[in-house]
Amino acid sequence: MGRVGSWLKERVPVSPEAIKAAGNEPVAGHLKLWWFALGGTAAMLFFGQIITGLLLCVYYQPTPERAWESVRYITGQVPYGWWIRSLHKWGANLMIVAVSLHLMRVFFSGAYRRPREVNWFIGVTLFLLTLVLGFTGYSIVYEQLSYWGATVAANITESVPVIGKGLARTLRGGEQIGAPTLSRFFILHAAVLPMLLLTLFAGHIALVRLHGVSEFPLKGQPHPAPYPFFPDHLLKELATGLALITVVTCLSVLFPVSVGPPADPINTPEHIKPEWYFYFTFRWLKLSSLGMGILGVTVAVGLLFAWPLIDAAIRRRRPNSELSIAFGAAAVIVFVVFTVWEALS
């Protein structure tokens, strides 16, 4: 064993002392609270999506003739296929919830402020890419509702000034949703978007390591003392992972994903609705003209990106201003109201 150890040490020159020092690095005490470590929850769900997605790719065929039939085959005939597909579906929904809550926590705790503005930009980009990942996954099932949902989304994209027509044509691969669209969405969903997410996630974590975790002392309570990464924080994350596995499994068993009618380009369904995470946008577009709706969504995304700069300008004039709290609370209320409104309509 000593000779094997010497052989490995010569070829993998990593000091055990360095590994131990890295594992014993103290973690900010407030990260013991789950809602301050939601980024890890989203990351674990994402890696679960990669595993279940790869398993689904074994049987999925991204062609208009075979896409829906392959999904039906996975759901109804592949052993445990319904379970894997349900895990993928529920994992996607929970991942969107986790990323959204993490973004909200960072916003309301002011963790986007100097010098962490760049990491906020990366985080918002990760949030938007997660939504697009959900949209492309929903679309490649090639059900009736997903087909027409993709059609509506492409038509809305086409209405964007200057770049809309070219972007919509690129996504569709032509003038109508068809075989080129399905292959593009599948490549985006299975390869391009996951690689972008992994790359940005690595940059996100690197900046967290460089800047350190933002301090957030709880009012009326003593500042929690730091604790070691290993084994305390690692065990906490493992416990969170086990809880996530339990929740996703229970949801998959109790509410398994079904297969809707296949896509029919000739017959338009009476009621077309996107997935729940686009209800807010869908309701906003219903309440306004198409041009005003697109403008409103663009302004909202722009404000989300630029808020660290806006907040810094406000605080230069009013150093103790917490306008971000009022602004964020109003935005969350509007989002919840519009989402529930659309869900009940």
Foldseek 3Di string as FASTA:
>chain_A
DVVVVVVCCVVPVDDPVVVVVVQFPWAFQVVLDPLQVLVLVLVLLLVLLLVLVVVLVVQADLALVCRLVSLQCLCPPDVCSLLSVLLNVVSLVVSLVSLVSNLLVCLQLVVCAPPNVVLLLLSLVLNVLSVLLNLLVLLSNQAAQNQVVLVVVLVLQLPPPPCSVVVSCVCCVHDGNHSVNSVSSCCCNNPVSVVSNVVSVVVSVVVCVVVPGDQRADPPDDRGDIGGNPPVVVVSSVVSSVVVVVVSSVCCVVPGDDRHHGHDPVDRDPDHDDPLVCQLLVLLCVVDPSVVSVVVVVVVSVCSSCVNVVVVVVCVVVVPDPVSNVVSVVVVVSSVVSSVVSVVD
